[in-house]
N, C-alpha and C. Protein backbone atom coordinates (compact mmCIF):
# COMPACT_ATOMS: atom_id res chain seq x y z
N MET A 1 120.76 69.93 64.58
CA MET A 1 120.55 70.94 65.59
C MET A 1 120.10 72.23 64.91
N LYS A 2 119.07 72.86 65.45
CA LYS A 2 118.54 74.08 64.87
C LYS A 2 119.44 75.27 65.22
N ASN A 3 119.74 76.11 64.23
CA ASN A 3 120.46 77.35 64.50
C ASN A 3 119.48 78.35 65.08
N LEU A 4 119.82 78.92 66.23
CA LEU A 4 118.96 79.91 66.85
C LEU A 4 119.23 81.28 66.26
N SER A 5 118.18 82.07 66.14
CA SER A 5 118.36 83.45 65.71
C SER A 5 119.01 84.24 66.83
N TYR A 6 119.47 85.43 66.52
CA TYR A 6 120.07 86.31 67.51
C TYR A 6 119.12 86.54 68.67
N SER A 7 117.84 86.82 68.39
CA SER A 7 116.89 87.10 69.47
C SER A 7 116.56 85.84 70.26
N GLU A 8 116.48 84.68 69.61
CA GLU A 8 116.22 83.43 70.34
C GLU A 8 117.39 83.11 71.26
N THR A 9 118.60 83.37 70.82
CA THR A 9 119.78 83.14 71.65
C THR A 9 119.72 84.02 72.89
N LEU A 10 119.36 85.30 72.72
CA LEU A 10 119.25 86.19 73.86
C LEU A 10 118.18 85.73 74.83
N GLU A 11 117.04 85.30 74.31
CA GLU A 11 115.94 84.89 75.18
C GLU A 11 116.26 83.60 75.93
N ASN A 12 117.15 82.78 75.40
CA ASN A 12 117.51 81.54 76.06
C ASN A 12 118.58 81.72 77.14
N GLN A 13 119.12 82.92 77.26
CA GLN A 13 120.13 83.20 78.28
C GLN A 13 119.44 83.59 79.59
N THR A 14 120.05 83.25 80.70
CA THR A 14 119.61 83.75 82.00
C THR A 14 120.37 85.04 82.24
N LEU A 15 119.63 86.14 82.33
CA LEU A 15 120.26 87.44 82.45
C LEU A 15 120.26 87.89 83.90
N GLU A 16 121.41 88.25 84.40
CA GLU A 16 121.54 88.75 85.76
C GLU A 16 121.79 90.25 85.68
N PHE A 17 120.93 91.03 86.32
CA PHE A 17 121.07 92.48 86.31
C PHE A 17 121.56 92.93 87.68
N GLU A 18 122.88 93.05 87.84
CA GLU A 18 123.47 93.39 89.12
C GLU A 18 123.47 94.88 89.39
N LYS A 19 123.23 95.68 88.39
CA LYS A 19 123.35 97.13 88.54
C LYS A 19 122.02 97.80 88.82
N GLY A 20 120.97 97.05 89.05
CA GLY A 20 119.66 97.64 89.30
C GLY A 20 119.01 98.10 88.02
N PRO A 21 117.84 98.71 88.12
CA PRO A 21 117.14 99.15 86.92
C PRO A 21 117.86 100.31 86.23
N PRO A 22 117.65 100.47 84.93
CA PRO A 22 118.28 101.59 84.21
C PRO A 22 117.88 102.93 84.83
N ASN A 23 118.77 103.92 84.70
CA ASN A 23 118.45 105.26 85.19
C ASN A 23 117.99 106.19 84.07
N SER A 24 117.95 105.70 82.84
CA SER A 24 117.51 106.51 81.71
C SER A 24 116.64 105.65 80.78
N TRP A 25 115.66 106.32 80.17
CA TRP A 25 114.72 105.65 79.28
C TRP A 25 114.43 106.55 78.08
N SER A 26 114.26 105.94 76.92
CA SER A 26 113.85 106.68 75.72
C SER A 26 112.85 105.84 74.94
N ASP A 27 111.78 106.49 74.48
CA ASP A 27 110.87 105.83 73.55
C ASP A 27 111.59 105.62 72.22
N VAL A 28 111.26 104.53 71.56
CA VAL A 28 111.86 104.21 70.26
C VAL A 28 110.73 103.96 69.27
N TYR A 29 110.80 104.64 68.12
CA TYR A 29 109.84 104.46 67.05
C TYR A 29 110.55 103.89 65.83
N ILE A 30 109.84 103.06 65.08
CA ILE A 30 110.36 102.51 63.82
C ILE A 30 109.50 103.04 62.68
N LYS A 31 110.15 103.52 61.63
CA LYS A 31 109.44 103.93 60.42
C LYS A 31 109.91 103.07 59.26
N ASN A 32 108.96 102.52 58.53
CA ASN A 32 109.26 101.69 57.36
C ASN A 32 109.28 102.55 56.10
N GLU A 33 110.45 102.78 55.56
CA GLU A 33 110.62 103.44 54.25
C GLU A 33 111.25 102.47 53.26
N TRP A 34 111.01 101.19 53.47
CA TRP A 34 111.57 100.12 52.65
C TRP A 34 111.02 100.15 51.23
N GLY A 35 109.77 100.58 51.08
CA GLY A 35 109.14 100.62 49.76
C GLY A 35 107.97 99.66 49.66
N THR A 36 107.92 98.68 50.54
CA THR A 36 106.81 97.73 50.62
C THR A 36 106.56 97.43 52.11
N PRO A 37 105.44 96.80 52.44
CA PRO A 37 105.25 96.39 53.83
C PRO A 37 106.33 95.40 54.25
N ILE A 38 106.67 95.41 55.54
CA ILE A 38 107.58 94.41 56.09
C ILE A 38 106.82 93.63 57.16
N THR A 39 107.18 92.35 57.30
CA THR A 39 106.45 91.47 58.22
C THR A 39 107.42 90.71 59.12
N GLU A 40 106.85 90.04 60.12
CA GLU A 40 107.62 89.20 61.04
C GLU A 40 108.86 89.92 61.56
N ILE A 41 108.65 91.12 62.09
CA ILE A 41 109.73 91.99 62.54
C ILE A 41 110.17 91.60 63.95
N GLU A 42 111.47 91.42 64.13
CA GLU A 42 112.09 91.24 65.44
C GLU A 42 113.03 92.42 65.63
N PHE A 43 112.89 93.11 66.76
CA PHE A 43 113.69 94.32 67.00
C PHE A 43 114.27 94.25 68.40
N ILE A 44 115.57 94.55 68.52
CA ILE A 44 116.25 94.48 69.81
C ILE A 44 117.08 95.74 70.04
N HIS A 45 116.94 96.30 71.24
CA HIS A 45 117.88 97.28 71.78
C HIS A 45 118.59 96.58 72.93
N ARG A 46 119.90 96.71 72.96
CA ARG A 46 120.69 96.10 74.04
C ARG A 46 121.67 97.12 74.57
N TYR A 47 121.73 97.26 75.89
CA TYR A 47 122.75 98.10 76.52
C TYR A 47 123.82 97.18 77.08
N GLU A 48 125.03 97.22 76.47
CA GLU A 48 126.11 96.31 76.84
C GLU A 48 125.53 94.91 77.02
N SER A 49 125.80 94.25 78.13
CA SER A 49 125.15 92.97 78.40
C SER A 49 124.25 93.09 79.61
N ASP A 50 123.92 94.34 79.97
CA ASP A 50 123.13 94.61 81.17
C ASP A 50 121.63 94.67 80.94
N ARG A 51 121.20 94.96 79.73
CA ARG A 51 119.78 95.21 79.49
C ARG A 51 119.42 94.82 78.06
N TYR A 52 118.32 94.09 77.90
CA TYR A 52 117.82 93.69 76.59
C TYR A 52 116.36 94.11 76.48
N ASP A 53 116.03 94.87 75.46
CA ASP A 53 114.65 95.24 75.15
C ASP A 53 114.31 94.58 73.83
N ILE A 54 113.33 93.68 73.83
CA ILE A 54 113.01 92.88 72.65
C ILE A 54 111.53 93.01 72.33
N GLU A 55 111.20 93.29 71.08
CA GLU A 55 109.80 93.35 70.64
C GLU A 55 109.66 92.68 69.28
N ARG A 56 108.46 92.20 69.03
CA ARG A 56 108.12 91.60 67.73
C ARG A 56 106.84 92.23 67.21
N PHE A 57 106.78 92.37 65.90
CA PHE A 57 105.61 92.96 65.24
C PHE A 57 105.26 92.11 64.03
N ASP A 58 103.97 91.97 63.75
CA ASP A 58 103.53 91.20 62.59
C ASP A 58 103.73 91.97 61.29
N LEU A 59 103.46 93.28 61.32
CA LEU A 59 103.45 94.06 60.08
C LEU A 59 103.73 95.52 60.37
N ILE A 60 104.55 96.12 59.51
CA ILE A 60 104.67 97.58 59.46
C ILE A 60 104.49 97.95 57.99
N ASP A 61 103.42 98.66 57.68
CA ASP A 61 103.15 99.06 56.30
C ASP A 61 104.19 100.05 55.81
N ASN A 62 104.32 100.16 54.49
CA ASN A 62 105.23 101.13 53.91
C ASN A 62 104.84 102.54 54.37
N ASN A 63 105.80 103.33 54.77
CA ASN A 63 105.64 104.68 55.28
C ASN A 63 104.92 104.77 56.61
N GLU A 64 104.70 103.65 57.27
CA GLU A 64 104.08 103.66 58.60
C GLU A 64 105.16 103.83 59.67
N ARG A 65 104.83 104.59 60.71
CA ARG A 65 105.71 104.82 61.86
C ARG A 65 104.99 104.28 63.09
N ILE A 66 105.66 103.38 63.84
CA ILE A 66 105.03 102.77 65.00
C ILE A 66 105.91 102.93 66.25
N PHE A 67 105.27 102.92 67.41
CA PHE A 67 106.02 102.85 68.66
C PHE A 67 106.56 101.44 68.78
N ALA A 68 107.86 101.30 69.01
CA ALA A 68 108.49 99.98 69.08
C ALA A 68 108.68 99.52 70.52
N LEU A 69 109.33 100.35 71.33
CA LEU A 69 109.61 99.96 72.72
C LEU A 69 110.15 101.15 73.49
N LYS A 70 110.31 100.96 74.77
CA LYS A 70 110.95 101.92 75.65
C LYS A 70 112.33 101.33 75.97
N ALA A 71 113.39 102.00 75.51
CA ALA A 71 114.75 101.51 75.69
C ALA A 71 115.29 101.96 77.05
N GLY A 72 115.79 101.00 77.81
CA GLY A 72 116.40 101.30 79.10
C GLY A 72 117.92 101.29 78.98
N TYR A 73 118.57 102.27 79.61
CA TYR A 73 120.02 102.36 79.56
C TYR A 73 120.53 103.16 80.75
N TRP A 74 121.83 103.09 81.00
CA TRP A 74 122.43 103.78 82.12
C TRP A 74 123.26 104.94 81.61
N THR A 75 123.23 106.03 82.35
CA THR A 75 124.05 107.19 82.05
C THR A 75 124.75 107.62 83.33
N GLY A 76 125.80 108.41 83.18
CA GLY A 76 126.52 108.90 84.35
C GLY A 76 127.92 108.35 84.42
N ILE A 77 128.61 108.69 85.47
CA ILE A 77 130.01 108.30 85.65
C ILE A 77 130.14 106.78 85.66
N GLY A 78 131.04 106.29 84.84
CA GLY A 78 131.30 104.86 84.76
C GLY A 78 130.26 104.08 83.98
N ARG A 79 129.28 104.73 83.41
CA ARG A 79 128.22 104.03 82.69
C ARG A 79 128.05 104.63 81.29
N THR A 80 129.09 104.60 80.52
CA THR A 80 129.01 105.10 79.15
C THR A 80 129.10 103.93 78.17
N GLY A 81 128.32 102.89 78.45
CA GLY A 81 128.34 101.71 77.61
C GLY A 81 127.68 101.95 76.27
N LYS A 82 127.79 100.94 75.43
CA LYS A 82 127.25 101.02 74.08
C LYS A 82 125.80 100.55 74.04
N ASP A 83 125.02 101.19 73.19
CA ASP A 83 123.65 100.77 72.90
C ASP A 83 123.67 100.07 71.55
N TYR A 84 123.34 98.79 71.56
CA TYR A 84 123.34 97.99 70.34
C TYR A 84 121.93 97.91 69.79
N TRP A 85 121.82 97.87 68.45
CA TRP A 85 120.53 97.85 67.76
C TRP A 85 120.55 96.73 66.73
N TRP A 86 119.48 95.95 66.68
CA TRP A 86 119.41 94.83 65.74
C TRP A 86 117.97 94.67 65.26
N ILE A 87 117.82 94.28 63.99
CA ILE A 87 116.49 94.05 63.43
C ILE A 87 116.55 92.89 62.44
N ARG A 88 115.42 92.20 62.32
CA ARG A 88 115.24 91.20 61.27
C ARG A 88 113.77 91.28 60.85
N TYR A 89 113.51 91.14 59.55
CA TYR A 89 112.15 91.20 59.04
C TYR A 89 112.10 90.56 57.66
N LYS A 90 110.88 90.38 57.18
CA LYS A 90 110.68 89.84 55.84
C LYS A 90 110.00 90.88 54.98
N ASP A 91 110.41 90.92 53.71
CA ASP A 91 109.62 91.65 52.72
C ASP A 91 108.92 90.58 51.90
N ASP A 92 108.47 90.89 50.72
CA ASP A 92 107.73 89.89 49.95
C ASP A 92 108.61 88.80 49.35
N ARG A 93 109.94 88.93 49.47
CA ARG A 93 110.83 87.95 48.87
C ARG A 93 111.83 87.30 49.80
N LYS A 94 112.38 88.05 50.76
CA LYS A 94 113.51 87.57 51.55
C LYS A 94 113.37 88.00 53.01
N THR A 95 114.24 87.41 53.83
CA THR A 95 114.41 87.84 55.21
C THR A 95 115.66 88.70 55.28
N TRP A 96 115.53 89.87 55.91
CA TRP A 96 116.61 90.84 55.99
C TRP A 96 117.04 91.04 57.43
N THR A 97 118.32 91.36 57.63
CA THR A 97 118.85 91.60 58.97
C THR A 97 120.06 92.52 58.88
N CYS A 98 120.68 92.76 60.04
CA CYS A 98 121.92 93.53 60.09
C CYS A 98 122.88 92.82 61.04
N LYS A 99 124.11 93.27 61.09
CA LYS A 99 125.07 92.65 62.00
C LYS A 99 124.62 92.86 63.44
N SER A 100 124.98 91.94 64.31
CA SER A 100 124.51 91.98 65.70
C SER A 100 125.33 92.92 66.60
N ASN A 101 126.45 93.43 66.12
CA ASN A 101 127.28 94.30 66.96
C ASN A 101 127.24 95.76 66.53
N PHE A 102 126.17 96.18 65.85
CA PHE A 102 126.02 97.59 65.47
C PHE A 102 125.59 98.39 66.70
N PHE A 103 126.28 99.49 66.98
CA PHE A 103 125.91 100.30 68.13
C PHE A 103 125.85 101.78 67.78
N CYS A 104 125.07 102.49 68.57
CA CYS A 104 124.90 103.93 68.48
C CYS A 104 124.55 104.38 69.89
N PHE A 105 125.32 105.26 70.49
CA PHE A 105 125.17 105.64 71.89
C PHE A 105 123.91 106.46 72.17
N LEU A 106 123.31 106.21 73.33
CA LEU A 106 122.29 107.08 73.91
C LEU A 106 122.92 107.73 75.14
N THR A 107 122.56 108.99 75.41
CA THR A 107 123.17 109.74 76.50
C THR A 107 122.10 110.29 77.44
N ALA A 108 122.56 110.88 78.54
CA ALA A 108 121.64 111.53 79.48
C ALA A 108 120.87 112.64 78.78
N ASN A 109 121.51 113.35 77.85
CA ASN A 109 120.81 114.41 77.12
C ASN A 109 119.69 113.86 76.25
N ASP A 110 119.87 112.65 75.71
CA ASP A 110 118.79 112.01 74.95
C ASP A 110 117.60 111.75 75.86
N ALA A 111 117.86 111.21 77.05
CA ALA A 111 116.79 110.91 78.00
C ALA A 111 116.08 112.19 78.46
N LYS A 112 116.85 113.24 78.71
CA LYS A 112 116.28 114.51 79.19
C LYS A 112 115.44 115.20 78.12
N SER A 113 115.69 114.91 76.86
CA SER A 113 115.01 115.63 75.77
C SER A 113 113.52 115.29 75.67
N ASP A 114 113.13 114.14 76.20
CA ASP A 114 111.74 113.67 76.07
C ASP A 114 111.30 113.48 74.63
N ARG A 115 112.26 113.40 73.71
CA ARG A 115 111.95 113.08 72.31
C ARG A 115 112.40 111.65 72.05
N PRO A 116 111.79 110.97 71.08
CA PRO A 116 112.12 109.56 70.85
C PRO A 116 113.37 109.35 70.00
N VAL A 117 113.86 108.13 70.08
CA VAL A 117 114.86 107.63 69.14
C VAL A 117 114.07 107.21 67.90
N GLU A 118 114.54 107.60 66.72
CA GLU A 118 113.88 107.25 65.47
C GLU A 118 114.71 106.21 64.73
N ILE A 119 114.08 105.08 64.42
CA ILE A 119 114.70 104.03 63.61
C ILE A 119 114.00 104.07 62.25
N VAL A 120 114.76 104.22 61.19
CA VAL A 120 114.17 104.26 59.85
C VAL A 120 114.75 103.11 59.03
N ILE A 121 113.86 102.28 58.50
CA ILE A 121 114.25 101.16 57.65
C ILE A 121 114.14 101.62 56.20
N LYS A 122 115.27 101.66 55.52
CA LYS A 122 115.33 102.06 54.11
C LYS A 122 115.92 100.91 53.32
N LYS A 123 115.88 101.03 52.01
CA LYS A 123 116.51 100.01 51.18
C LYS A 123 117.97 99.89 51.57
N ASN A 124 118.34 98.71 52.01
CA ASN A 124 119.72 98.35 52.32
C ASN A 124 120.34 99.02 53.54
N LYS A 125 119.55 99.75 54.38
CA LYS A 125 120.15 100.29 55.60
C LYS A 125 119.08 100.59 56.66
N MET A 126 119.53 100.53 57.91
CA MET A 126 118.72 100.93 59.05
C MET A 126 119.42 102.13 59.68
N GLU A 127 118.70 103.24 59.79
CA GLU A 127 119.25 104.45 60.39
C GLU A 127 118.75 104.56 61.83
N VAL A 128 119.64 104.87 62.76
CA VAL A 128 119.30 105.11 64.16
C VAL A 128 119.59 106.59 64.44
N SER A 129 118.54 107.32 64.84
CA SER A 129 118.68 108.76 65.11
C SER A 129 118.22 109.07 66.53
N PRO A 130 119.17 109.15 67.47
CA PRO A 130 118.80 109.59 68.83
C PRO A 130 118.34 111.05 68.78
N PRO A 131 117.58 111.48 69.78
CA PRO A 131 117.05 112.85 69.74
C PRO A 131 118.12 113.93 69.85
N VAL A 132 119.24 113.67 70.54
CA VAL A 132 120.28 114.68 70.73
C VAL A 132 121.64 114.17 70.23
N SER A 133 122.00 112.97 70.58
CA SER A 133 123.31 112.40 70.20
C SER A 133 123.41 112.18 68.70
N SER A 134 124.62 111.89 68.25
CA SER A 134 124.85 111.60 66.84
C SER A 134 124.26 110.25 66.48
N GLY A 135 123.64 110.17 65.34
CA GLY A 135 123.10 108.92 64.83
C GLY A 135 124.09 108.18 63.97
N ASP A 136 123.64 107.05 63.46
CA ASP A 136 124.48 106.24 62.58
C ASP A 136 123.56 105.31 61.80
N TYR A 137 124.14 104.53 60.89
CA TYR A 137 123.34 103.56 60.14
C TYR A 137 124.14 102.28 59.99
N VAL A 138 123.41 101.21 59.67
CA VAL A 138 124.02 99.91 59.45
C VAL A 138 123.41 99.32 58.18
N THR A 139 124.21 98.56 57.45
CA THR A 139 123.75 97.91 56.23
C THR A 139 122.82 96.75 56.55
N LEU A 140 121.75 96.63 55.78
CA LEU A 140 120.84 95.48 55.88
C LEU A 140 121.19 94.53 54.74
N TYR A 141 121.10 93.24 55.00
CA TYR A 141 121.44 92.25 53.98
C TYR A 141 120.50 91.05 54.11
N PRO A 142 120.32 90.30 53.02
CA PRO A 142 119.47 89.11 53.08
C PRO A 142 120.13 88.02 53.93
N GLU A 143 119.33 87.36 54.75
CA GLU A 143 119.85 86.24 55.53
C GLU A 143 120.12 85.06 54.62
N ALA A 144 121.14 84.33 54.95
CA ALA A 144 121.51 83.17 54.14
C ALA A 144 120.56 82.01 54.39
C-alpha cells in the first residue's frame, strides 16, 4: 500500500464547509532563501479543519519571491481558530518538509492591512510572517 503525502491525504478527503465562505483573506508569498533552487513544491494553508488552500509549484529559484495563494480564514467572535502551514520541496539532494501541525494565527487586523503573509524558506526552517500578527518558524527536515 502506498503511503500518501500530507497533501494527497487532504485531497482524498471529502470536505464539508458548514460555516460558509471565509470572512477574511490574505495574499501569501513564498521567498526562497534556501541557497539553491527548490523544486516540486507543495504548499498548504489550513484553517482548523474548515478550509484548505493547496498549491504546487515546479520551481522557485534562489532569492525568488512568488505569489503562492490567497489564504481564506475566519475572524470574529467564536472564530479564533488556528492557521496551519505546511510545505514540502526538493533541493538538489533531498526532499524537505516540516511537521503537519505547525500553526501561526492570522487575525482580522492581518486581513485589514492589505499586506501579504510572507513565507521565507531558509536553511533548516520556514518562517511565517503575518503582516500584523506575531510570526513564528518551524524546523525543516529531510523526509525519510
